[in-house]
């Protein structure tokens, strides 16, 4: 499902297991155009349990998302990674209301990883992984073989951060290690 947001506090928090935020600024380039062109397809393909969200005012929306998820605090140069996708199991509203919640976060900088045309393949893989219950369960279970099977493709594109406020597991390193074993 797709959602066009005016404010991060109004993003629906019930009925979805995953939230995919389009992290963009006001600048237009081939990658941002490709994101825009594929928004509706991604929203349809992720299935009913995931919500794809973009802001009406991209820079304002992105600033709110990055601040709420602690990304600006963690990386002072985060704006240099935009456009990007931030995938989480928690909405900004819940993070703002419940300070003890530790979200699972996947951050994919599309600027560093994509050339025109490759973004569509990344969006296709994300939609397949999130629309498939076994893909979601693998990520939630932290079972190495299941993660590799469903999410192994993602290691070349991202930093996975189950949390960054306390102890966390570096899933990216887990997947890389598993790939070296095979």
N, C-alpha and C. Protein backbone atom coordinates (compact mmCIF):
# COMPACT_ATOMS: atom_id res chain seq x y z
N UNK A 1 0.84 -1.16 0.00
CA UNK A 1 0.00 0.00 0.00
C UNK A 1 0.90 1.24 0.00
N UNK A 2 0.46 2.29 -0.63
CA UNK A 2 1.21 3.53 -0.68
C UNK A 2 0.51 4.63 0.09
N UNK A 3 1.31 5.52 0.63
CA UNK A 3 0.77 6.62 1.43
C UNK A 3 1.59 7.87 1.15
N UNK A 4 0.90 8.97 0.86
CA UNK A 4 1.53 10.26 0.64
C UNK A 4 1.31 11.08 1.90
N UNK A 5 2.40 11.40 2.61
CA UNK A 5 2.30 12.02 3.93
C UNK A 5 2.64 13.50 3.92
N UNK A 6 1.85 14.25 4.68
CA UNK A 6 2.17 15.66 4.90
C UNK A 6 2.99 15.82 6.17
N UNK A 7 2.87 14.84 7.07
CA UNK A 7 3.51 14.93 8.38
C UNK A 7 3.80 13.52 8.87
N UNK A 8 4.97 13.30 9.47
CA UNK A 8 5.33 11.95 9.90
C UNK A 8 4.43 11.44 11.03
N UNK A 9 3.84 12.34 11.78
CA UNK A 9 2.96 11.94 12.88
C UNK A 9 1.63 11.38 12.43
N UNK A 10 1.30 11.54 11.16
CA UNK A 10 0.01 11.06 10.64
C UNK A 10 0.11 9.74 9.87
N UNK A 11 1.27 9.17 9.84
CA UNK A 11 1.44 7.89 9.14
C UNK A 11 0.69 6.81 9.92
N UNK A 12 -0.20 6.08 9.25
CA UNK A 12 -0.95 5.02 9.95
C UNK A 12 -0.01 4.01 10.60
N UNK A 13 -0.33 3.62 11.83
CA UNK A 13 0.56 2.69 12.53
C UNK A 13 -0.07 1.32 12.73
N UNK A 14 -1.32 1.17 12.41
CA UNK A 14 -1.98 -0.13 12.61
C UNK A 14 -2.25 -0.82 11.29
N UNK A 15 -2.11 -2.14 11.30
CA UNK A 15 -2.41 -2.94 10.13
C UNK A 15 -1.22 -3.24 9.24
N UNK A 16 -0.04 -2.75 9.61
CA UNK A 16 1.15 -2.97 8.80
C UNK A 16 2.28 -3.53 9.65
N UNK A 17 3.07 -4.42 9.07
CA UNK A 17 4.24 -4.98 9.75
C UNK A 17 5.51 -4.21 9.39
N UNK A 18 5.55 -3.61 8.20
CA UNK A 18 6.73 -2.92 7.71
C UNK A 18 6.36 -1.60 7.08
N UNK A 19 7.26 -0.64 7.21
CA UNK A 19 7.08 0.70 6.66
C UNK A 19 8.32 1.03 5.83
N UNK A 20 8.12 1.42 4.59
CA UNK A 20 9.21 1.76 3.68
C UNK A 20 9.10 3.25 3.39
N UNK A 21 10.08 4.00 3.86
CA UNK A 21 10.07 5.45 3.68
C UNK A 21 11.00 5.84 2.56
N UNK A 22 10.50 6.68 1.64
CA UNK A 22 11.34 7.22 0.58
C UNK A 22 12.06 8.43 1.15
N UNK A 23 13.36 8.31 1.27
CA UNK A 23 14.20 9.35 1.86
C UNK A 23 14.77 10.17 0.69
N UNK A 24 14.22 11.38 0.53
CA UNK A 24 14.59 12.20 -0.62
C UNK A 24 14.77 13.66 -0.21
N UNK A 25 15.38 14.43 -1.09
CA UNK A 25 15.43 15.88 -0.90
C UNK A 25 14.71 16.50 -2.09
N UNK A 26 14.87 17.79 -2.29
CA UNK A 26 14.14 18.47 -3.36
C UNK A 26 14.83 18.38 -4.72
N UNK A 27 16.07 17.89 -4.76
CA UNK A 27 16.80 17.81 -6.01
C UNK A 27 16.30 16.67 -6.87
N UNK A 28 16.24 16.89 -8.16
CA UNK A 28 15.78 15.86 -9.10
C UNK A 28 16.96 15.35 -9.90
N UNK A 29 17.01 14.02 -10.03
CA UNK A 29 18.01 13.38 -10.87
C UNK A 29 17.41 12.08 -11.39
N UNK A 30 18.18 11.31 -12.11
CA UNK A 30 17.64 10.07 -12.70
C UNK A 30 17.15 9.09 -11.63
N UNK A 31 17.86 9.01 -10.51
CA UNK A 31 17.45 8.08 -9.45
C UNK A 31 16.15 8.54 -8.80
N UNK A 32 16.03 9.83 -8.48
CA UNK A 32 14.79 10.30 -7.87
C UNK A 32 13.61 10.16 -8.84
N UNK A 33 13.88 10.35 -10.12
CA UNK A 33 12.82 10.16 -11.13
C UNK A 33 12.39 8.69 -11.16
N UNK A 34 13.34 7.79 -11.08
CA UNK A 34 13.02 6.36 -11.09
C UNK A 34 12.22 5.97 -9.84
N UNK A 35 12.56 6.57 -8.71
CA UNK A 35 11.79 6.33 -7.48
C UNK A 35 10.35 6.77 -7.68
N UNK A 36 10.18 7.99 -8.17
CA UNK A 36 8.83 8.52 -8.43
C UNK A 36 8.06 7.63 -9.41
N UNK A 37 8.71 7.23 -10.48
CA UNK A 37 8.06 6.41 -11.51
C UNK A 37 7.61 5.06 -10.98
N UNK A 38 8.29 4.53 -9.96
CA UNK A 38 8.00 3.19 -9.46
C UNK A 38 7.28 3.17 -8.11
N UNK A 39 6.91 4.34 -7.58
CA UNK A 39 6.25 4.40 -6.27
C UNK A 39 4.98 3.54 -6.23
N UNK A 40 4.09 3.73 -7.20
CA UNK A 40 2.83 2.99 -7.20
C UNK A 40 3.05 1.49 -7.36
N UNK A 41 4.00 1.11 -8.18
CA UNK A 41 4.28 -0.32 -8.37
C UNK A 41 4.83 -0.92 -7.09
N UNK A 42 5.79 -0.24 -6.46
CA UNK A 42 6.34 -0.72 -5.19
C UNK A 42 5.24 -0.85 -4.14
N UNK A 43 4.38 0.17 -4.04
CA UNK A 43 3.29 0.16 -3.06
C UNK A 43 2.35 -1.03 -3.27
N UNK A 44 2.12 -1.38 -4.51
CA UNK A 44 1.26 -2.53 -4.83
C UNK A 44 1.97 -3.85 -4.55
N UNK A 45 3.22 -3.94 -4.95
CA UNK A 45 3.94 -5.20 -4.90
C UNK A 45 4.40 -5.61 -3.50
N UNK A 46 4.57 -4.69 -2.55
CA UNK A 46 5.01 -5.08 -1.21
C UNK A 46 3.93 -5.84 -0.45
N UNK A 47 2.70 -5.76 -0.93
CA UNK A 47 1.62 -6.51 -0.30
C UNK A 47 0.91 -5.70 0.77
N UNK A 48 -0.13 -6.28 1.34
CA UNK A 48 -1.00 -5.55 2.28
C UNK A 48 -0.39 -5.30 3.67
N UNK A 49 0.68 -5.97 4.01
CA UNK A 49 1.26 -5.81 5.35
C UNK A 49 2.40 -4.81 5.41
N UNK A 50 2.70 -4.16 4.27
CA UNK A 50 3.76 -3.16 4.23
C UNK A 50 3.19 -1.86 3.65
N UNK A 51 3.66 -0.74 4.18
CA UNK A 51 3.21 0.57 3.73
C UNK A 51 4.41 1.36 3.19
N UNK A 52 4.32 1.79 1.94
CA UNK A 52 5.35 2.61 1.32
C UNK A 52 4.92 4.06 1.50
N UNK A 53 5.81 4.88 2.06
CA UNK A 53 5.45 6.25 2.40
C UNK A 53 6.43 7.24 1.78
N UNK A 54 5.88 8.26 1.16
CA UNK A 54 6.71 9.36 0.68
C UNK A 54 6.08 10.66 1.15
N UNK A 55 6.90 11.68 1.27
CA UNK A 55 6.42 12.96 1.74
C UNK A 55 6.01 13.88 0.62
N UNK A 56 4.97 14.66 0.87
CA UNK A 56 4.55 15.68 -0.10
C UNK A 56 5.66 16.71 -0.26
N UNK A 57 6.27 17.09 0.86
CA UNK A 57 7.45 17.95 0.86
C UNK A 57 8.63 17.04 1.20
N UNK A 58 9.34 16.54 0.18
CA UNK A 58 10.36 15.50 0.42
C UNK A 58 11.42 15.86 1.46
N UNK A 59 11.97 17.05 1.41
CA UNK A 59 13.04 17.42 2.33
C UNK A 59 12.53 17.52 3.77
N UNK A 60 11.38 18.11 3.97
CA UNK A 60 10.78 18.24 5.30
C UNK A 60 10.45 16.85 5.86
N UNK A 61 9.83 16.02 5.04
CA UNK A 61 9.47 14.67 5.44
C UNK A 61 10.71 13.86 5.80
N UNK A 62 11.72 13.92 4.95
CA UNK A 62 12.96 13.19 5.19
C UNK A 62 13.64 13.64 6.47
N UNK A 63 13.69 14.93 6.70
CA UNK A 63 14.29 15.45 7.94
C UNK A 63 13.58 14.88 9.16
N UNK A 64 12.26 14.82 9.11
CA UNK A 64 11.49 14.27 10.23
C UNK A 64 11.76 12.79 10.45
N UNK A 65 11.81 12.03 9.37
CA UNK A 65 12.08 10.59 9.47
C UNK A 65 13.49 10.36 10.01
N UNK A 66 14.48 11.02 9.41
CA UNK A 66 15.87 10.80 9.84
C UNK A 66 16.09 11.20 11.29
N UNK A 67 15.46 12.28 11.72
CA UNK A 67 15.60 12.71 13.11
C UNK A 67 14.91 11.73 14.06
N UNK A 68 13.70 11.34 13.74
CA UNK A 68 12.94 10.43 14.60
C UNK A 68 13.62 9.07 14.76
N UNK A 69 14.21 8.56 13.70
CA UNK A 69 14.89 7.27 13.76
C UNK A 69 16.34 7.38 14.23
N UNK A 70 16.77 8.57 14.59
CA UNK A 70 18.11 8.77 15.14
C UNK A 70 19.22 8.73 14.11
N UNK A 71 18.88 8.81 12.85
CA UNK A 71 19.88 8.69 11.79
C UNK A 71 20.76 9.94 11.68
N UNK A 72 20.20 11.12 11.94
CA UNK A 72 21.00 12.35 11.85
C UNK A 72 21.98 12.43 13.00
N UNK A 73 21.58 11.93 14.13
CA UNK A 73 22.44 11.91 15.31
C UNK A 73 23.59 10.93 15.12
N UNK A 74 23.30 9.80 14.47
CA UNK A 74 24.30 8.76 14.26
C UNK A 74 25.28 9.11 13.14
N UNK A 75 24.79 9.79 12.10
CA UNK A 75 25.62 10.10 10.94
C UNK A 75 25.39 11.56 10.54
N UNK A 76 26.31 12.42 10.89
CA UNK A 76 26.17 13.85 10.60
C UNK A 76 26.10 14.14 9.10
N UNK A 77 26.61 13.23 8.28
CA UNK A 77 26.61 13.42 6.83
C UNK A 77 25.51 12.62 6.14
N UNK A 78 24.45 12.30 6.86
CA UNK A 78 23.38 11.46 6.32
C UNK A 78 22.77 12.05 5.05
N UNK A 79 22.73 13.37 4.94
CA UNK A 79 22.16 13.99 3.73
C UNK A 79 22.98 13.65 2.49
N UNK A 80 24.22 13.26 2.67
CA UNK A 80 25.05 12.87 1.52
C UNK A 80 24.69 11.50 0.98
N UNK A 81 23.79 10.78 1.64
CA UNK A 81 23.38 9.45 1.20
C UNK A 81 22.01 9.45 0.52
N UNK A 82 21.40 10.61 0.38
CA UNK A 82 20.05 10.75 -0.17
C UNK A 82 20.14 10.86 -1.70
N UNK A 83 19.25 10.20 -2.44
CA UNK A 83 18.05 9.48 -2.02
C UNK A 83 18.37 8.10 -1.45
N UNK A 84 17.42 7.66 -0.61
CA UNK A 84 17.60 6.38 0.09
C UNK A 84 16.23 5.80 0.44
N UNK A 85 16.26 4.59 0.95
CA UNK A 85 15.07 3.95 1.51
C UNK A 85 15.37 3.64 2.97
N UNK A 86 14.42 3.89 3.84
CA UNK A 86 14.51 3.47 5.23
C UNK A 86 13.34 2.53 5.46
N UNK A 87 13.64 1.30 5.82
CA UNK A 87 12.62 0.28 6.07
C UNK A 87 12.64 -0.02 7.55
N UNK A 88 11.46 -0.01 8.18
CA UNK A 88 11.39 -0.26 9.62
C UNK A 88 10.11 -1.00 9.97
N UNK A 89 10.12 -1.60 11.14
CA UNK A 89 8.93 -2.27 11.65
C UNK A 89 8.15 -1.36 12.60
N UNK A 90 8.57 -0.12 12.74
CA UNK A 90 7.99 0.80 13.71
C UNK A 90 7.74 2.16 13.06
N UNK A 91 6.60 2.78 13.37
CA UNK A 91 6.30 4.10 12.82
C UNK A 91 6.89 5.21 13.68
N UNK A 92 7.06 6.40 13.10
CA UNK A 92 7.56 7.53 13.87
C UNK A 92 6.67 7.86 15.08
N UNK A 93 5.37 7.73 14.92
CA UNK A 93 4.44 8.04 16.01
C UNK A 93 4.72 7.16 17.23
N UNK A 94 4.94 5.88 17.01
CA UNK A 94 5.25 4.97 18.11
C UNK A 94 6.58 5.35 18.75
N UNK A 95 7.57 5.68 17.93
CA UNK A 95 8.88 6.07 18.47
C UNK A 95 8.79 7.35 19.30
N UNK A 96 7.95 8.27 18.87
CA UNK A 96 7.78 9.52 19.60
C UNK A 96 7.01 9.32 20.91
N UNK A 97 6.06 8.39 20.91
CA UNK A 97 5.23 8.16 22.10
C UNK A 97 5.87 7.20 23.09
N UNK A 98 6.60 6.22 22.60
CA UNK A 98 7.17 5.18 23.45
C UNK A 98 8.69 5.19 23.30
N UNK A 99 9.35 5.91 24.16
CA UNK A 99 10.81 6.12 24.05
C UNK A 99 11.64 4.84 24.24
N UNK A 100 11.05 3.79 24.82
CA UNK A 100 11.81 2.56 25.06
C UNK A 100 11.75 1.57 23.90
N UNK A 101 11.03 1.89 22.84
CA UNK A 101 10.92 1.02 21.68
C UNK A 101 12.21 1.08 20.86
N UNK A 102 12.70 -0.08 20.48
CA UNK A 102 13.91 -0.17 19.65
C UNK A 102 13.49 -0.74 18.29
N UNK A 103 13.48 0.10 17.26
CA UNK A 103 13.01 -0.36 15.96
C UNK A 103 14.05 -1.17 15.20
N UNK A 104 13.57 -2.05 14.34
CA UNK A 104 14.44 -2.68 13.36
C UNK A 104 14.50 -1.70 12.19
N UNK A 105 15.71 -1.48 11.68
CA UNK A 105 15.89 -0.51 10.60
C UNK A 105 16.80 -1.09 9.52
N UNK A 106 16.38 -0.89 8.28
CA UNK A 106 17.22 -1.19 7.12
C UNK A 106 17.33 0.14 6.37
N UNK A 107 18.55 0.62 6.18
CA UNK A 107 18.77 1.88 5.46
C UNK A 107 19.57 1.59 4.20
N UNK A 108 19.00 1.94 3.06
CA UNK A 108 19.65 1.69 1.78
C UNK A 108 19.88 3.03 1.08
N UNK A 109 21.13 3.43 0.96
CA UNK A 109 21.46 4.64 0.21
C UNK A 109 21.42 4.31 -1.27
N UNK A 110 20.47 4.89 -1.96
CA UNK A 110 20.34 4.63 -3.40
C UNK A 110 21.34 5.45 -4.20
N UNK A 111 21.77 6.55 -3.63
CA UNK A 111 22.75 7.40 -4.30
C UNK A 111 24.05 6.65 -4.53
N UNK A 112 24.49 5.91 -3.53
CA UNK A 112 25.76 5.21 -3.62
C UNK A 112 25.65 3.89 -4.39
N UNK A 113 24.47 3.30 -4.40
CA UNK A 113 24.33 1.94 -4.90
C UNK A 113 23.72 1.83 -6.29
N UNK A 114 23.10 2.90 -6.77
CA UNK A 114 22.31 2.78 -8.00
C UNK A 114 22.85 3.63 -9.13
N UNK A 115 22.64 3.11 -10.29
CA UNK A 115 22.76 3.88 -11.50
C UNK A 115 21.38 3.83 -12.13
N UNK A 116 21.04 4.73 -13.01
CA UNK A 116 19.71 4.67 -13.60
C UNK A 116 19.41 3.28 -14.15
N UNK A 117 18.27 2.76 -13.79
CA UNK A 117 17.86 1.42 -14.22
C UNK A 117 18.04 0.35 -13.16
N UNK A 118 19.07 0.47 -12.31
CA UNK A 118 19.30 -0.57 -11.30
C UNK A 118 18.33 -0.44 -10.12
N UNK A 119 17.81 0.75 -9.89
CA UNK A 119 16.90 0.96 -8.76
C UNK A 119 15.65 0.09 -8.89
N UNK A 120 15.14 -0.04 -10.09
CA UNK A 120 13.95 -0.86 -10.30
C UNK A 120 14.19 -2.29 -9.80
N UNK A 121 15.37 -2.83 -10.02
CA UNK A 121 15.68 -4.18 -9.54
C UNK A 121 15.71 -4.24 -8.01
N UNK A 122 16.26 -3.21 -7.37
CA UNK A 122 16.27 -3.17 -5.91
C UNK A 122 14.85 -3.11 -5.37
N UNK A 123 14.02 -2.24 -5.94
CA UNK A 123 12.62 -2.13 -5.49
C UNK A 123 11.87 -3.44 -5.69
N UNK A 124 12.15 -4.11 -6.80
CA UNK A 124 11.51 -5.41 -7.06
C UNK A 124 11.90 -6.44 -6.00
N UNK A 125 13.19 -6.50 -5.64
CA UNK A 125 13.66 -7.45 -4.62
C UNK A 125 13.06 -7.13 -3.25
N UNK A 126 13.00 -5.86 -2.91
CA UNK A 126 12.41 -5.47 -1.62
C UNK A 126 10.96 -5.89 -1.57
N UNK A 127 10.21 -5.62 -2.63
CA UNK A 127 8.79 -5.97 -2.63
C UNK A 127 8.61 -7.48 -2.52
N UNK A 128 9.44 -8.25 -3.19
CA UNK A 128 9.34 -9.71 -3.10
C UNK A 128 9.64 -10.21 -1.69
N UNK A 129 10.68 -9.64 -1.09
CA UNK A 129 11.08 -10.08 0.26
C UNK A 129 10.05 -9.71 1.31
N UNK A 130 9.45 -8.53 1.20
CA UNK A 130 8.49 -8.09 2.21
C UNK A 130 7.09 -8.65 1.98
N UNK A 131 6.74 -8.97 0.75
CA UNK A 131 5.41 -9.52 0.49
C UNK A 131 5.35 -11.02 0.77
N UNK A 132 6.50 -11.66 0.88
CA UNK A 132 6.59 -13.08 1.16
C UNK A 132 6.71 -13.27 2.67
N UNK A 133 5.74 -13.91 3.30
CA UNK A 133 5.76 -14.08 4.76
C UNK A 133 7.04 -14.76 5.24
N UNK A 134 7.59 -15.68 4.46
CA UNK A 134 8.81 -16.35 4.90
C UNK A 134 10.00 -15.40 4.91
N UNK A 135 9.99 -14.40 4.02
CA UNK A 135 11.05 -13.39 4.02
C UNK A 135 10.99 -12.52 5.27
N UNK A 136 9.80 -12.11 5.65
CA UNK A 136 9.61 -11.31 6.85
C UNK A 136 9.95 -12.12 8.09
N UNK A 137 9.48 -13.36 8.14
CA UNK A 137 9.76 -14.22 9.29
C UNK A 137 11.27 -14.48 9.42
N UNK A 138 11.96 -14.64 8.32
CA UNK A 138 13.41 -14.86 8.36
C UNK A 138 14.12 -13.68 9.00
N UNK A 139 13.73 -12.47 8.62
CA UNK A 139 14.36 -11.28 9.18
C UNK A 139 14.05 -11.15 10.66
N UNK A 140 12.84 -11.48 11.05
CA UNK A 140 12.45 -11.37 12.46
C UNK A 140 13.10 -12.45 13.32
N UNK A 141 13.33 -13.62 12.74
CA UNK A 141 13.86 -14.75 13.51
C UNK A 141 15.37 -14.67 13.73
N UNK A 142 16.07 -13.97 12.86
CA UNK A 142 17.52 -13.88 12.87
C UNK A 142 18.18 -15.24 12.61
N UNK A 143 17.45 -16.18 11.99
CA UNK A 143 18.00 -17.47 11.60
C UNK A 143 18.89 -17.27 10.38
N UNK A 144 20.16 -17.58 10.52
CA UNK A 144 21.16 -17.28 9.48
C UNK A 144 20.81 -17.86 8.11
N UNK A 145 20.46 -19.13 8.06
CA UNK A 145 20.20 -19.74 6.76
C UNK A 145 18.95 -19.16 6.11
N UNK A 146 17.95 -18.86 6.91
CA UNK A 146 16.73 -18.26 6.37
C UNK A 146 16.97 -16.84 5.88
N UNK A 147 17.79 -16.09 6.61
CA UNK A 147 18.12 -14.72 6.19
C UNK A 147 18.88 -14.76 4.87
N UNK A 148 19.85 -15.64 4.77
CA UNK A 148 20.63 -15.75 3.55
C UNK A 148 19.74 -16.11 2.36
N UNK A 149 18.84 -17.04 2.57
CA UNK A 149 17.95 -17.48 1.50
C UNK A 149 17.06 -16.36 1.00
N UNK A 150 16.49 -15.58 1.90
CA UNK A 150 15.51 -14.56 1.52
C UNK A 150 16.09 -13.16 1.35
N UNK A 151 17.21 -12.86 2.02
CA UNK A 151 17.73 -11.50 2.03
C UNK A 151 19.20 -11.40 1.60
N UNK A 152 19.81 -12.48 1.18
CA UNK A 152 21.22 -12.45 0.81
C UNK A 152 21.55 -11.44 -0.27
N UNK A 153 20.62 -11.18 -1.15
CA UNK A 153 20.82 -10.22 -2.23
C UNK A 153 21.08 -8.80 -1.72
N UNK A 154 20.67 -8.50 -0.52
CA UNK A 154 20.66 -7.13 -0.04
C UNK A 154 22.00 -6.63 0.49
N UNK A 155 22.93 -7.53 0.77
CA UNK A 155 24.18 -7.12 1.43
C UNK A 155 25.01 -6.12 0.62
N UNK A 156 24.88 -6.14 -0.67
CA UNK A 156 25.67 -5.18 -1.45
C UNK A 156 25.06 -3.79 -1.48
N UNK A 157 23.87 -3.63 -0.90
CA UNK A 157 23.18 -2.35 -0.98
C UNK A 157 23.04 -1.59 0.33
N UNK A 158 23.25 -2.20 1.49
CA UNK A 158 22.77 -1.53 2.69
C UNK A 158 23.54 -1.78 3.95
N UNK A 159 23.13 -1.02 4.95
CA UNK A 159 23.51 -1.25 6.34
C UNK A 159 22.23 -1.65 7.05
N UNK A 160 22.21 -2.82 7.70
CA UNK A 160 21.03 -3.23 8.45
C UNK A 160 21.30 -2.92 9.91
N UNK A 161 20.39 -2.22 10.52
CA UNK A 161 20.56 -1.82 11.92
C UNK A 161 19.30 -2.22 12.70
N UNK A 162 19.29 -3.39 13.36
CA UNK A 162 18.12 -3.72 14.16
C UNK A 162 17.89 -2.68 15.24
N UNK A 163 18.94 -2.07 15.72
CA UNK A 163 18.80 -0.94 16.62
C UNK A 163 20.14 -0.23 16.69
N UNK A 164 20.13 0.97 17.15
CA UNK A 164 21.40 1.65 17.35
C UNK A 164 21.36 2.47 18.62
N UNK A 165 20.44 2.13 19.52
CA UNK A 165 20.38 2.80 20.82
C UNK A 165 20.94 1.91 21.92
N UNK A 166 21.12 0.65 21.62
CA UNK A 166 21.64 -0.28 22.60
C UNK A 166 22.35 -1.41 21.89
N UNK A 167 22.36 -2.58 22.48
CA UNK A 167 23.00 -3.73 21.87
C UNK A 167 22.27 -4.09 20.58
N UNK A 168 22.99 -4.42 19.56
CA UNK A 168 22.38 -4.79 18.30
C UNK A 168 23.17 -5.88 17.62
N UNK A 169 22.57 -6.46 16.61
CA UNK A 169 23.20 -7.51 15.83
C UNK A 169 23.45 -6.95 14.43
N UNK A 170 24.64 -7.11 13.92
CA UNK A 170 24.98 -6.63 12.59
C UNK A 170 24.58 -7.71 11.59
N UNK A 171 23.35 -7.63 11.08
CA UNK A 171 22.85 -8.64 10.16
C UNK A 171 23.63 -8.64 8.85
N UNK A 172 24.10 -7.48 8.46
CA UNK A 172 24.90 -7.40 7.24
C UNK A 172 26.14 -8.30 7.36
N UNK A 173 26.81 -8.24 8.49
CA UNK A 173 27.98 -9.08 8.72
C UNK A 173 27.60 -10.56 8.81
N UNK A 174 26.45 -10.86 9.41
CA UNK A 174 25.97 -12.25 9.48
C UNK A 174 25.81 -12.80 8.08
N UNK A 175 25.13 -12.04 7.22
CA UNK A 175 24.88 -12.50 5.86
C UNK A 175 26.19 -12.64 5.10
N UNK A 176 27.08 -11.67 5.23
CA UNK A 176 28.39 -11.77 4.57
C UNK A 176 29.15 -13.00 5.03
N UNK A 177 29.14 -13.26 6.33
CA UNK A 177 29.83 -14.44 6.86
C UNK A 177 29.25 -15.73 6.31
N UNK A 178 27.94 -15.78 6.23
CA UNK A 178 27.28 -16.96 5.70
C UNK A 178 27.64 -17.17 4.22
N UNK A 179 27.73 -16.08 3.50
CA UNK A 179 28.06 -16.21 2.08
C UNK A 179 29.47 -16.72 1.89
N UNK A 180 30.39 -16.37 2.79
CA UNK A 180 31.77 -16.88 2.71
C UNK A 180 31.81 -18.36 3.05
N UNK A 181 30.94 -18.84 3.93
CA UNK A 181 30.91 -20.25 4.33
C UNK A 181 30.50 -21.12 3.15
N UNK A 182 29.51 -20.69 2.40
CA UNK A 182 29.02 -21.48 1.27
C UNK A 182 29.99 -21.41 0.19
